[in-house]
Amino acid sequence: MAGKQGERARRRLSTGERREQLLSVGARLFSESPYDEVWIEQVAEIAGVSRGLLYHYFPTKRDFFAAVVERESGRMLAMTAAVPGVPVREQLTAGLDTYLEYVSAHAHGYRAFHRADAAGDQSVRKVYQRALAAQERQILAALAADPEFGAQAEDRPDLRLAVRGWLAFTTAVCLEWLRGSDLSREQVRDLCARALLGVLRP
């Protein structure tokens, strides 16, 4: 009887809901353990589904990992979205606080993602490129709407490249910080903030 009830409970989830459930489990596991120590069987067991069903949604473990990262990138973008009317300087500090808190809490997944990107993993590279483009657009839009930086943003054809370089810088700083830097989170935040503000100076 309990088994049949469990089967009925599993069938209540739509395709989208089931996919979201699997990605949520994956995000937790990849944040807690190195990539090589996360097993598809473990994900399926926690989610209460068969391994075959998980592979139906994600053909390989790498596909699953890339989908988890894409989901988490979208969540991070939403968490650091620009707030209309709030100066960029204030938003930069708040956004970096949120970002660094996430990086610290998901250190294993963050490192695994950037290692895979550096190794040229195509499934991860596509996710990285989409996330990078979205971050660029979000930052550039916030700058364009800001009273302090809006005017110069229109006259700076190099600004997009500068923002992309800053995002690469921030990633490199975060990876080094996770290796055991003596800097506190606040010091890392201030370092990254100063770097962007320095780029924005005429």
N, C-alpha and C. Protein backbone atom coordinates (compact mmCIF):
# COMPACT_ATOMS: atom_id res chain seq x y z
N MET A 1 0.83 -1.20 0.00
CA MET A 1 0.00 0.00 0.00
C MET A 1 0.87 1.25 0.00
N ALA A 2 1.89 1.27 0.86
CA ALA A 2 2.76 2.44 0.95
C ALA A 2 3.47 2.68 -0.37
N GLY A 3 3.85 1.57 -1.05
CA GLY A 3 4.53 1.71 -2.32
C GLY A 3 3.63 2.35 -3.36
N LYS A 4 2.35 1.92 -3.39
CA LYS A 4 1.43 2.49 -4.36
C LYS A 4 1.17 3.96 -4.08
N GLN A 5 1.08 4.31 -2.78
CA GLN A 5 0.89 5.71 -2.43
C GLN A 5 2.08 6.55 -2.88
N GLY A 6 3.29 5.98 -2.72
CA GLY A 6 4.49 6.70 -3.16
C GLY A 6 4.49 6.91 -4.66
N GLU A 7 4.02 5.88 -5.41
CA GLU A 7 3.96 6.02 -6.85
C GLU A 7 2.97 7.11 -7.25
N ARG A 8 1.82 7.15 -6.57
CA ARG A 8 0.83 8.18 -6.87
C ARG A 8 1.39 9.56 -6.57
N ALA A 9 2.15 9.69 -5.45
CA ALA A 9 2.74 10.98 -5.07
C ALA A 9 3.73 11.45 -6.13
N ARG A 10 4.51 10.48 -6.65
CA ARG A 10 5.48 10.85 -7.66
C ARG A 10 4.80 11.32 -8.94
N ARG A 11 3.66 10.69 -9.29
CA ARG A 11 2.96 11.04 -10.52
C ARG A 11 2.29 12.41 -10.42
N ARG A 12 2.14 12.95 -9.21
CA ARG A 12 1.50 14.25 -9.07
C ARG A 12 2.34 15.37 -9.64
N LEU A 13 3.64 15.16 -9.74
CA LEU A 13 4.52 16.22 -10.24
C LEU A 13 4.45 16.29 -11.76
N SER A 14 4.32 17.50 -12.28
CA SER A 14 4.38 17.69 -13.72
C SER A 14 5.82 17.54 -14.19
N THR A 15 6.01 17.52 -15.49
CA THR A 15 7.37 17.42 -16.03
C THR A 15 8.24 18.56 -15.53
N GLY A 16 7.70 19.78 -15.57
CA GLY A 16 8.47 20.94 -15.10
C GLY A 16 8.78 20.86 -13.62
N GLU A 17 7.80 20.42 -12.84
CA GLU A 17 8.00 20.30 -11.39
C GLU A 17 9.04 19.23 -11.06
N ARG A 18 8.98 18.11 -11.77
CA ARG A 18 9.96 17.05 -11.52
C ARG A 18 11.36 17.51 -11.88
N ARG A 19 11.48 18.20 -13.00
CA ARG A 19 12.79 18.70 -13.41
C ARG A 19 13.34 19.68 -12.36
N GLU A 20 12.48 20.55 -11.89
CA GLU A 20 12.89 21.51 -10.87
C GLU A 20 13.31 20.79 -9.59
N GLN A 21 12.60 19.75 -9.22
CA GLN A 21 12.95 18.99 -8.03
C GLN A 21 14.34 18.37 -8.17
N LEU A 22 14.62 17.77 -9.33
CA LEU A 22 15.91 17.14 -9.55
C LEU A 22 17.04 18.17 -9.53
N LEU A 23 16.80 19.32 -10.14
CA LEU A 23 17.82 20.36 -10.15
C LEU A 23 18.08 20.91 -8.76
N SER A 24 17.02 20.99 -7.96
CA SER A 24 17.17 21.46 -6.59
C SER A 24 18.03 20.50 -5.76
N VAL A 25 17.78 19.22 -5.93
CA VAL A 25 18.59 18.21 -5.24
C VAL A 25 20.04 18.29 -5.72
N GLY A 26 20.22 18.42 -7.03
CA GLY A 26 21.56 18.52 -7.57
C GLY A 26 22.32 19.74 -7.06
N ALA A 27 21.64 20.87 -6.97
CA ALA A 27 22.29 22.08 -6.47
C ALA A 27 22.81 21.87 -5.06
N ARG A 28 22.02 21.20 -4.23
CA ARG A 28 22.44 20.96 -2.85
C ARG A 28 23.64 20.01 -2.81
N LEU A 29 23.57 18.93 -3.58
CA LEU A 29 24.65 17.94 -3.54
C LEU A 29 25.95 18.50 -4.10
N PHE A 30 25.88 19.23 -5.21
CA PHE A 30 27.08 19.78 -5.80
C PHE A 30 27.68 20.89 -4.94
N SER A 31 26.87 21.51 -4.10
CA SER A 31 27.40 22.53 -3.18
C SER A 31 28.10 21.89 -1.99
N GLU A 32 27.66 20.68 -1.63
CA GLU A 32 28.17 20.01 -0.44
C GLU A 32 29.39 19.12 -0.71
N SER A 33 29.51 18.62 -1.95
CA SER A 33 30.56 17.65 -2.25
C SER A 33 31.22 17.96 -3.58
N PRO A 34 32.49 17.55 -3.76
CA PRO A 34 33.15 17.71 -5.06
C PRO A 34 32.38 16.98 -6.15
N TYR A 35 32.54 17.44 -7.38
CA TYR A 35 31.80 16.88 -8.51
C TYR A 35 31.92 15.36 -8.60
N ASP A 36 33.14 14.84 -8.46
CA ASP A 36 33.37 13.41 -8.62
C ASP A 36 32.73 12.57 -7.51
N GLU A 37 32.34 13.20 -6.42
CA GLU A 37 31.73 12.46 -5.31
C GLU A 37 30.21 12.53 -5.31
N VAL A 38 29.63 13.17 -6.30
CA VAL A 38 28.18 13.22 -6.45
C VAL A 38 27.78 12.17 -7.47
N TRP A 39 26.88 11.26 -7.07
CA TRP A 39 26.46 10.16 -7.94
C TRP A 39 25.02 10.35 -8.37
N ILE A 40 24.77 10.00 -9.63
CA ILE A 40 23.41 10.09 -10.16
C ILE A 40 22.44 9.25 -9.33
N GLU A 41 22.92 8.09 -8.89
CA GLU A 41 22.07 7.22 -8.06
C GLU A 41 21.63 7.94 -6.79
N GLN A 42 22.52 8.73 -6.22
CA GLN A 42 22.22 9.47 -5.00
C GLN A 42 21.15 10.52 -5.27
N VAL A 43 21.26 11.22 -6.39
CA VAL A 43 20.26 12.22 -6.76
C VAL A 43 18.90 11.56 -6.93
N ALA A 44 18.87 10.44 -7.64
CA ALA A 44 17.61 9.74 -7.88
C ALA A 44 16.99 9.25 -6.58
N GLU A 45 17.83 8.73 -5.69
CA GLU A 45 17.32 8.21 -4.42
C GLU A 45 16.68 9.33 -3.58
N ILE A 46 17.37 10.46 -3.48
CA ILE A 46 16.84 11.58 -2.70
C ILE A 46 15.54 12.09 -3.29
N ALA A 47 15.49 12.15 -4.63
CA ALA A 47 14.29 12.66 -5.31
C ALA A 47 13.16 11.65 -5.33
N GLY A 48 13.47 10.39 -5.02
CA GLY A 48 12.45 9.36 -5.02
C GLY A 48 12.05 8.91 -6.41
N VAL A 49 13.02 8.92 -7.35
CA VAL A 49 12.74 8.49 -8.71
C VAL A 49 13.76 7.44 -9.12
N SER A 50 13.50 6.78 -10.23
CA SER A 50 14.45 5.79 -10.73
C SER A 50 15.60 6.50 -11.43
N ARG A 51 16.71 5.81 -11.51
CA ARG A 51 17.86 6.36 -12.23
C ARG A 51 17.51 6.57 -13.70
N GLY A 52 16.71 5.66 -14.25
CA GLY A 52 16.30 5.77 -15.64
C GLY A 52 15.50 7.04 -15.91
N LEU A 53 14.64 7.41 -14.96
CA LEU A 53 13.85 8.63 -15.13
C LEU A 53 14.76 9.86 -15.12
N LEU A 54 15.74 9.86 -14.23
CA LEU A 54 16.66 10.99 -14.18
C LEU A 54 17.42 11.12 -15.49
N TYR A 55 17.85 9.97 -16.05
CA TYR A 55 18.56 10.01 -17.32
C TYR A 55 17.64 10.42 -18.47
N HIS A 56 16.33 10.22 -18.29
CA HIS A 56 15.37 10.68 -19.29
C HIS A 56 15.41 12.21 -19.39
N TYR A 57 15.55 12.86 -18.24
CA TYR A 57 15.62 14.32 -18.21
C TYR A 57 17.01 14.83 -18.58
N PHE A 58 18.04 14.11 -18.13
CA PHE A 58 19.43 14.55 -18.33
C PHE A 58 20.25 13.34 -18.76
N PRO A 59 20.61 13.25 -20.04
CA PRO A 59 21.27 12.04 -20.58
C PRO A 59 22.58 11.66 -19.89
N THR A 60 23.34 12.65 -19.41
CA THR A 60 24.61 12.35 -18.76
C THR A 60 24.73 13.17 -17.47
N LYS A 61 25.67 12.77 -16.64
CA LYS A 61 25.93 13.52 -15.42
C LYS A 61 26.39 14.93 -15.75
N ARG A 62 27.19 15.09 -16.80
CA ARG A 62 27.66 16.42 -17.17
C ARG A 62 26.50 17.30 -17.64
N ASP A 63 25.55 16.71 -18.37
CA ASP A 63 24.35 17.46 -18.77
C ASP A 63 23.57 17.91 -17.54
N PHE A 64 23.47 17.03 -16.57
CA PHE A 64 22.76 17.35 -15.34
C PHE A 64 23.46 18.49 -14.60
N PHE A 65 24.77 18.39 -14.49
CA PHE A 65 25.54 19.43 -13.81
C PHE A 65 25.39 20.77 -14.52
N ALA A 66 25.46 20.77 -15.85
CA ALA A 66 25.32 22.01 -16.61
C ALA A 66 23.94 22.62 -16.39
N ALA A 67 22.91 21.78 -16.32
CA ALA A 67 21.55 22.28 -16.08
C ALA A 67 21.42 22.86 -14.68
N VAL A 68 22.06 22.22 -13.70
CA VAL A 68 22.06 22.75 -12.33
C VAL A 68 22.72 24.12 -12.30
N VAL A 69 23.85 24.24 -12.97
CA VAL A 69 24.57 25.52 -12.98
C VAL A 69 23.74 26.59 -13.67
N GLU A 70 23.08 26.23 -14.77
CA GLU A 70 22.25 27.21 -15.47
C GLU A 70 21.11 27.69 -14.58
N ARG A 71 20.49 26.78 -13.86
CA ARG A 71 19.43 27.15 -12.92
C ARG A 71 19.96 28.09 -11.85
N GLU A 72 21.11 27.74 -11.29
CA GLU A 72 21.68 28.55 -10.22
C GLU A 72 22.14 29.91 -10.73
N SER A 73 22.63 29.96 -11.97
CA SER A 73 23.02 31.24 -12.56
C SER A 73 21.82 32.15 -12.70
N GLY A 74 20.68 31.58 -13.09
CA GLY A 74 19.45 32.36 -13.20
C GLY A 74 19.00 32.88 -11.85
N ARG A 75 19.13 32.04 -10.83
CA ARG A 75 18.76 32.47 -9.48
C ARG A 75 19.66 33.60 -9.01
N MET A 76 20.95 33.48 -9.27
CA MET A 76 21.88 34.53 -8.86
C MET A 76 21.58 35.83 -9.58
N LEU A 77 21.24 35.74 -10.86
CA LEU A 77 20.92 36.94 -11.62
C LEU A 77 19.71 37.64 -11.01
N ALA A 78 18.72 36.85 -10.61
CA ALA A 78 17.53 37.44 -9.99
C ALA A 78 17.86 38.05 -8.64
N MET A 79 18.72 37.41 -7.87
CA MET A 79 19.06 37.90 -6.54
C MET A 79 19.88 39.19 -6.58
N THR A 80 20.61 39.40 -7.69
CA THR A 80 21.45 40.59 -7.80
C THR A 80 20.88 41.59 -8.81
N ALA A 81 19.61 41.44 -9.14
CA ALA A 81 18.98 42.34 -10.12
C ALA A 81 19.01 43.77 -9.62
N ALA A 82 19.12 44.71 -10.56
CA ALA A 82 19.17 46.13 -10.23
C ALA A 82 17.85 46.58 -9.61
N VAL A 83 17.95 47.46 -8.64
CA VAL A 83 16.78 48.04 -7.99
C VAL A 83 16.63 49.48 -8.50
N PRO A 84 15.55 49.77 -9.21
CA PRO A 84 15.39 51.12 -9.76
C PRO A 84 15.49 52.19 -8.68
N GLY A 85 16.25 53.23 -8.99
CA GLY A 85 16.37 54.36 -8.07
C GLY A 85 17.48 54.24 -7.05
N VAL A 86 18.07 53.06 -6.92
CA VAL A 86 19.16 52.87 -5.96
C VAL A 86 20.50 53.08 -6.70
N PRO A 87 21.38 53.94 -6.19
CA PRO A 87 22.65 54.21 -6.87
C PRO A 87 23.47 52.95 -7.10
N VAL A 88 24.19 52.95 -8.21
CA VAL A 88 25.01 51.79 -8.57
C VAL A 88 26.02 51.45 -7.48
N ARG A 89 26.60 52.45 -6.84
CA ARG A 89 27.58 52.18 -5.79
C ARG A 89 26.98 51.35 -4.68
N GLU A 90 25.76 51.66 -4.28
CA GLU A 90 25.09 50.89 -3.22
C GLU A 90 24.73 49.50 -3.72
N GLN A 91 24.23 49.43 -4.95
CA GLN A 91 23.84 48.13 -5.50
C GLN A 91 25.05 47.22 -5.68
N LEU A 92 26.19 47.81 -6.02
CA LEU A 92 27.40 47.02 -6.21
C LEU A 92 27.79 46.32 -4.91
N THR A 93 27.76 47.06 -3.81
CA THR A 93 28.11 46.47 -2.51
C THR A 93 27.13 45.36 -2.13
N ALA A 94 25.84 45.64 -2.27
CA ALA A 94 24.83 44.64 -1.90
C ALA A 94 24.91 43.42 -2.82
N GLY A 95 25.10 43.66 -4.12
CA GLY A 95 25.17 42.55 -5.07
C GLY A 95 26.38 41.66 -4.82
N LEU A 96 27.52 42.28 -4.51
CA LEU A 96 28.71 41.48 -4.22
C LEU A 96 28.57 40.71 -2.92
N ASP A 97 27.91 41.30 -1.93
CA ASP A 97 27.65 40.56 -0.68
C ASP A 97 26.85 39.29 -0.97
N THR A 98 25.81 39.43 -1.78
CA THR A 98 24.97 38.29 -2.14
C THR A 98 25.77 37.25 -2.92
N TYR A 99 26.55 37.72 -3.88
CA TYR A 99 27.34 36.83 -4.72
C TYR A 99 28.37 36.06 -3.90
N LEU A 100 29.09 36.74 -3.03
CA LEU A 100 30.13 36.09 -2.25
C LEU A 100 29.55 35.13 -1.22
N GLU A 101 28.40 35.46 -0.70
CA GLU A 101 27.73 34.52 0.21
C GLU A 101 27.37 33.24 -0.52
N TYR A 102 26.89 33.39 -1.75
CA TYR A 102 26.54 32.22 -2.56
C TYR A 102 27.79 31.41 -2.90
N VAL A 103 28.85 32.08 -3.32
CA VAL A 103 30.10 31.39 -3.68
C VAL A 103 30.62 30.59 -2.49
N SER A 104 30.57 31.19 -1.30
CA SER A 104 31.05 30.51 -0.10
C SER A 104 30.20 29.29 0.22
N ALA A 105 28.88 29.42 0.07
CA ALA A 105 27.97 28.32 0.41
C ALA A 105 27.99 27.21 -0.64
N HIS A 106 28.39 27.53 -1.87
CA HIS A 106 28.40 26.56 -2.97
C HIS A 106 29.81 26.40 -3.54
N ALA A 107 30.78 26.36 -2.65
CA ALA A 107 32.18 26.38 -3.08
C ALA A 107 32.52 25.22 -4.01
N HIS A 108 32.06 24.01 -3.69
CA HIS A 108 32.39 22.85 -4.52
C HIS A 108 31.84 23.02 -5.94
N GLY A 109 30.58 23.40 -6.04
CA GLY A 109 29.98 23.58 -7.35
C GLY A 109 30.61 24.71 -8.13
N TYR A 110 30.95 25.80 -7.45
CA TYR A 110 31.56 26.95 -8.10
C TYR A 110 32.91 26.57 -8.70
N ARG A 111 33.72 25.86 -7.92
CA ARG A 111 35.03 25.44 -8.42
C ARG A 111 34.88 24.45 -9.57
N ALA A 112 33.97 23.49 -9.42
CA ALA A 112 33.78 22.47 -10.47
C ALA A 112 33.33 23.11 -11.78
N PHE A 113 32.44 24.09 -11.68
CA PHE A 113 31.95 24.77 -12.87
C PHE A 113 33.07 25.47 -13.62
N HIS A 114 33.90 26.20 -12.91
CA HIS A 114 34.96 26.96 -13.57
C HIS A 114 36.10 26.06 -14.03
N ARG A 115 36.31 24.94 -13.36
CA ARG A 115 37.30 23.98 -13.86
C ARG A 115 36.82 23.40 -15.18
N ALA A 116 35.54 23.04 -15.24
CA ALA A 116 34.99 22.46 -16.46
C ALA A 116 35.02 23.46 -17.61
N ASP A 117 34.72 24.71 -17.31
CA ASP A 117 34.76 25.74 -18.35
C ASP A 117 36.19 25.92 -18.86
N ALA A 118 37.15 25.97 -17.93
CA ALA A 118 38.56 26.14 -18.32
C ALA A 118 39.05 24.96 -19.15
N ALA A 119 38.49 23.78 -18.91
CA ALA A 119 38.89 22.58 -19.65
C ALA A 119 38.21 22.49 -21.01
N GLY A 120 37.31 23.43 -21.29
CA GLY A 120 36.65 23.46 -22.59
C GLY A 120 35.45 22.54 -22.70
N ASP A 121 34.86 22.16 -21.57
CA ASP A 121 33.66 21.33 -21.61
C ASP A 121 32.54 22.11 -22.32
N GLN A 122 32.06 21.59 -23.44
CA GLN A 122 31.14 22.36 -24.28
C GLN A 122 29.78 22.60 -23.63
N SER A 123 29.26 21.61 -22.89
CA SER A 123 27.96 21.81 -22.25
C SER A 123 28.05 22.90 -21.18
N VAL A 124 29.15 22.92 -20.46
CA VAL A 124 29.36 23.95 -19.44
C VAL A 124 29.72 25.28 -20.08
N ARG A 125 30.51 25.26 -21.16
CA ARG A 125 30.91 26.49 -21.83
C ARG A 125 29.69 27.27 -22.32
N LYS A 126 28.70 26.57 -22.86
CA LYS A 126 27.49 27.24 -23.34
C LYS A 126 26.74 27.92 -22.19
N VAL A 127 26.65 27.23 -21.07
CA VAL A 127 26.01 27.81 -19.89
C VAL A 127 26.78 29.04 -19.43
N TYR A 128 28.10 28.92 -19.41
CA TYR A 128 28.95 30.03 -18.98
C TYR A 128 28.75 31.26 -19.87
N GLN A 129 28.73 31.05 -21.16
CA GLN A 129 28.58 32.17 -22.09
C GLN A 129 27.23 32.86 -21.94
N ARG A 130 26.17 32.07 -21.75
CA ARG A 130 24.85 32.67 -21.55
C ARG A 130 24.79 33.44 -20.24
N ALA A 131 25.36 32.87 -19.18
CA ALA A 131 25.35 33.54 -17.88
C ALA A 131 26.17 34.81 -17.93
N LEU A 132 27.32 34.76 -18.59
CA LEU A 132 28.18 35.93 -18.70
C LEU A 132 27.48 37.05 -19.45
N ALA A 133 26.83 36.71 -20.55
CA ALA A 133 26.11 37.71 -21.35
C ALA A 133 24.99 38.34 -20.53
N ALA A 134 24.28 37.53 -19.76
CA ALA A 134 23.19 38.05 -18.94
C ALA A 134 23.71 38.98 -17.84
N GLN A 135 24.84 38.61 -17.24
CA GLN A 135 25.44 39.47 -16.21
C GLN A 135 25.90 40.79 -16.81
N GLU A 136 26.51 40.72 -17.98
CA GLU A 136 26.94 41.95 -18.66
C GLU A 136 25.75 42.87 -18.90
N ARG A 137 24.69 42.32 -19.47
CA ARG A 137 23.51 43.14 -19.78
C ARG A 137 22.95 43.78 -18.52
N GLN A 138 22.91 43.01 -17.44
CA GLN A 138 22.35 43.52 -16.19
C GLN A 138 23.20 44.67 -15.64
N ILE A 139 24.51 44.51 -15.66
CA ILE A 139 25.40 45.56 -15.15
C ILE A 139 25.34 46.80 -16.03
N LEU A 140 25.39 46.60 -17.35
CA LEU A 140 25.37 47.73 -18.27
C LEU A 140 24.05 48.50 -18.18
N ALA A 141 22.94 47.78 -17.99
CA ALA A 141 21.65 48.44 -17.85
C ALA A 141 21.60 49.26 -16.57
N ALA A 142 22.16 48.72 -15.49
CA ALA A 142 22.19 49.45 -14.22
C ALA A 142 23.05 50.71 -14.35
N LEU A 143 24.18 50.61 -15.04
CA LEU A 143 25.05 51.76 -15.24
C LEU A 143 24.36 52.83 -16.08
N ALA A 144 23.68 52.40 -17.13
CA ALA A 144 23.02 53.35 -18.02
C ALA A 144 21.91 54.12 -17.31
N ALA A 145 21.27 53.47 -16.32
CA ALA A 145 20.17 54.11 -15.61
C ALA A 145 20.62 54.93 -14.40
N ASP A 146 21.91 54.88 -14.10
CA ASP A 146 22.41 55.55 -12.90
C ASP A 146 22.78 57.00 -13.18
N PRO A 147 22.37 57.95 -12.34
CA PRO A 147 22.70 59.37 -12.56
C PRO A 147 24.20 59.64 -12.62
N GLU A 148 24.97 58.91 -11.82
CA GLU A 148 26.42 59.16 -11.78
C GLU A 148 27.14 58.61 -13.00
N PHE A 149 26.73 57.44 -13.47
CA PHE A 149 27.48 56.77 -14.53
C PHE A 149 26.76 56.74 -15.88
N GLY A 150 25.48 57.10 -15.89
CA GLY A 150 24.69 56.96 -17.11
C GLY A 150 25.23 57.72 -18.31
N ALA A 151 25.64 58.96 -18.08
CA ALA A 151 26.12 59.79 -19.20
C ALA A 151 27.38 59.21 -19.82
N GLN A 152 28.34 58.82 -18.99
CA GLN A 152 29.58 58.29 -19.54
C GLN A 152 29.39 56.91 -20.15
N ALA A 153 28.38 56.18 -19.67
CA ALA A 153 28.11 54.85 -20.23
C ALA A 153 27.78 54.95 -21.71
N GLU A 154 27.07 56.02 -22.10
CA GLU A 154 26.71 56.20 -23.49
C GLU A 154 27.90 56.56 -24.36
N ASP A 155 28.92 57.16 -23.75
CA ASP A 155 30.09 57.62 -24.51
C ASP A 155 31.30 56.71 -24.38
N ARG A 156 31.07 55.50 -23.85
CA ARG A 156 32.20 54.59 -23.61
C ARG A 156 32.01 53.31 -24.43
N PRO A 157 32.49 53.28 -25.68
CA PRO A 157 32.37 52.05 -26.47
C PRO A 157 33.16 50.89 -25.88
N ASP A 158 34.09 51.20 -24.98
CA ASP A 158 34.90 50.15 -24.38
C ASP A 158 34.28 49.58 -23.11
N LEU A 159 33.12 50.11 -22.72
CA LEU A 159 32.57 49.75 -21.41
C LEU A 159 32.16 48.28 -21.34
N ARG A 160 31.57 47.76 -22.40
CA ARG A 160 31.18 46.34 -22.39
C ARG A 160 32.38 45.44 -22.16
N LEU A 161 33.46 45.74 -22.86
CA LEU A 161 34.67 44.94 -22.69
C LEU A 161 35.23 45.08 -21.28
N ALA A 162 35.15 46.30 -20.75
CA ALA A 162 35.64 46.54 -19.39
C ALA A 162 34.83 45.75 -18.37
N VAL A 163 33.51 45.72 -18.55
CA VAL A 163 32.65 44.97 -17.63
C VAL A 163 32.93 43.48 -17.73
N ARG A 164 33.12 42.99 -18.94
CA ARG A 164 33.45 41.57 -19.10
C ARG A 164 34.78 41.25 -18.42
N GLY A 165 35.75 42.13 -18.56
CA GLY A 165 37.03 41.92 -17.89
C GLY A 165 36.88 41.92 -16.38
N TRP A 166 36.01 42.79 -15.87
CA TRP A 166 35.78 42.83 -14.43
C TRP A 166 35.13 41.55 -13.94
N LEU A 167 34.21 41.00 -14.71
CA LEU A 167 33.58 39.74 -14.32
C LEU A 167 34.62 38.62 -14.26
N ALA A 168 35.55 38.60 -15.21
CA ALA A 168 36.62 37.60 -15.18
C ALA A 168 37.52 37.81 -13.96
N PHE A 169 37.81 39.06 -13.67
CA PHE A 169 38.61 39.40 -12.50
C PHE A 169 37.93 38.91 -11.22
N THR A 170 36.65 39.17 -11.09
CA THR A 170 35.90 38.77 -9.89
C THR A 170 35.90 37.26 -9.74
N THR A 171 35.74 36.54 -10.84
CA THR A 171 35.78 35.08 -10.79
C THR A 171 37.14 34.59 -10.31
N ALA A 172 38.21 35.17 -10.85
CA ALA A 172 39.56 34.77 -10.46
C ALA A 172 39.80 35.05 -8.98
N VAL A 173 39.35 36.20 -8.50
CA VAL A 173 39.50 36.55 -7.09
C VAL A 173 38.74 35.55 -6.21
N CYS A 174 37.52 35.22 -6.61
CA CYS A 174 36.72 34.29 -5.81
C CYS A 174 37.36 32.90 -5.75
N LEU A 175 37.89 32.43 -6.87
CA LEU A 175 38.53 31.12 -6.88
C LEU A 175 39.76 31.11 -5.97
N GLU A 176 40.52 32.18 -6.01
CA GLU A 176 41.70 32.28 -5.14
C GLU A 176 41.26 32.36 -3.67
N TRP A 177 40.21 33.11 -3.41
CA TRP A 177 39.68 33.23 -2.05
C TRP A 177 39.26 31.86 -1.51
N LEU A 178 38.64 31.05 -2.35
CA LEU A 178 38.20 29.72 -1.92
C LEU A 178 39.37 28.78 -1.66
N ARG A 179 40.52 29.09 -2.23
CA ARG A 179 41.70 28.24 -1.99
C ARG A 179 42.30 28.46 -0.60
N GLY A 180 41.80 29.49 0.10
CA GLY A 180 42.28 29.70 1.47
C GLY A 180 42.92 31.04 1.70
N SER A 181 42.50 32.05 0.98
CA SER A 181 43.04 33.39 1.18
C SER A 181 42.75 33.88 2.59
N ASP A 182 43.62 34.73 3.11
CA ASP A 182 43.44 35.30 4.44
C ASP A 182 42.42 36.44 4.44
N LEU A 183 42.01 36.89 3.27
CA LEU A 183 41.06 38.00 3.19
C LEU A 183 39.68 37.58 3.68
N SER A 184 39.03 38.47 4.38
CA SER A 184 37.65 38.22 4.80
C SER A 184 36.71 38.44 3.63
N ARG A 185 35.46 38.04 3.78
CA ARG A 185 34.48 38.25 2.72
C ARG A 185 34.34 39.75 2.44
N GLU A 186 34.34 40.56 3.49
CA GLU A 186 34.19 42.01 3.32
C GLU A 186 35.37 42.59 2.54
N GLN A 187 36.56 42.08 2.81
CA GLN A 187 37.74 42.57 2.10
C GLN A 187 37.70 42.18 0.62
N VAL A 188 37.24 40.97 0.35
CA VAL A 188 37.11 40.53 -1.04
C VAL A 188 36.05 41.38 -1.75
N ARG A 189 34.95 41.62 -1.06
CA ARG A 189 33.89 42.47 -1.63
C ARG A 189 34.43 43.84 -1.98
N ASP A 190 35.14 44.45 -1.06
CA ASP A 190 35.66 45.80 -1.29
C ASP A 190 36.69 45.82 -2.42
N LEU A 191 37.51 44.77 -2.50
CA LEU A 191 38.49 44.68 -3.57
C LEU A 191 37.79 44.65 -4.93
N CYS A 192 36.76 43.82 -5.06
CA CYS A 192 36.04 43.70 -6.32
C CYS A 192 35.29 44.98 -6.65
N ALA A 193 34.71 45.61 -5.63
CA ALA A 193 33.98 46.86 -5.85
C ALA A 193 34.93 47.95 -6.35
N ARG A 194 36.10 48.05 -5.72
CA ARG A 194 37.07 49.08 -6.13
C ARG A 194 37.53 48.84 -7.57
N ALA A 195 37.66 47.58 -7.93
CA ALA A 195 38.11 47.25 -9.29
C ALA A 195 37.11 47.74 -10.33
N LEU A 196 35.83 47.53 -10.09
CA LEU A 196 34.82 47.99 -11.05
C LEU A 196 34.75 49.51 -11.06
N LEU A 197 34.73 50.12 -9.91
CA LEU A 197 34.65 51.58 -9.85
C LEU A 197 35.89 52.22 -10.50
N GLY A 198 37.02 51.55 -10.38
CA GLY A 198 38.23 52.05 -11.05
C GLY A 198 38.10 52.00 -12.56
N VAL A 199 37.49 50.93 -13.05
CA VAL A 199 37.26 50.80 -14.49
C VAL A 199 36.34 51.90 -14.99
N LEU A 200 35.39 52.29 -14.16
CA LEU A 200 34.38 53.27 -14.57
C LEU A 200 34.89 54.71 -14.56
N ARG A 201 36.02 54.94 -13.93
CA ARG A 201 36.54 56.31 -13.93
C ARG A 201 36.90 56.73 -15.35
N PRO A 202 36.55 57.95 -15.73
CA PRO A 202 36.84 58.44 -17.08
C PRO A 202 38.34 58.39 -17.36
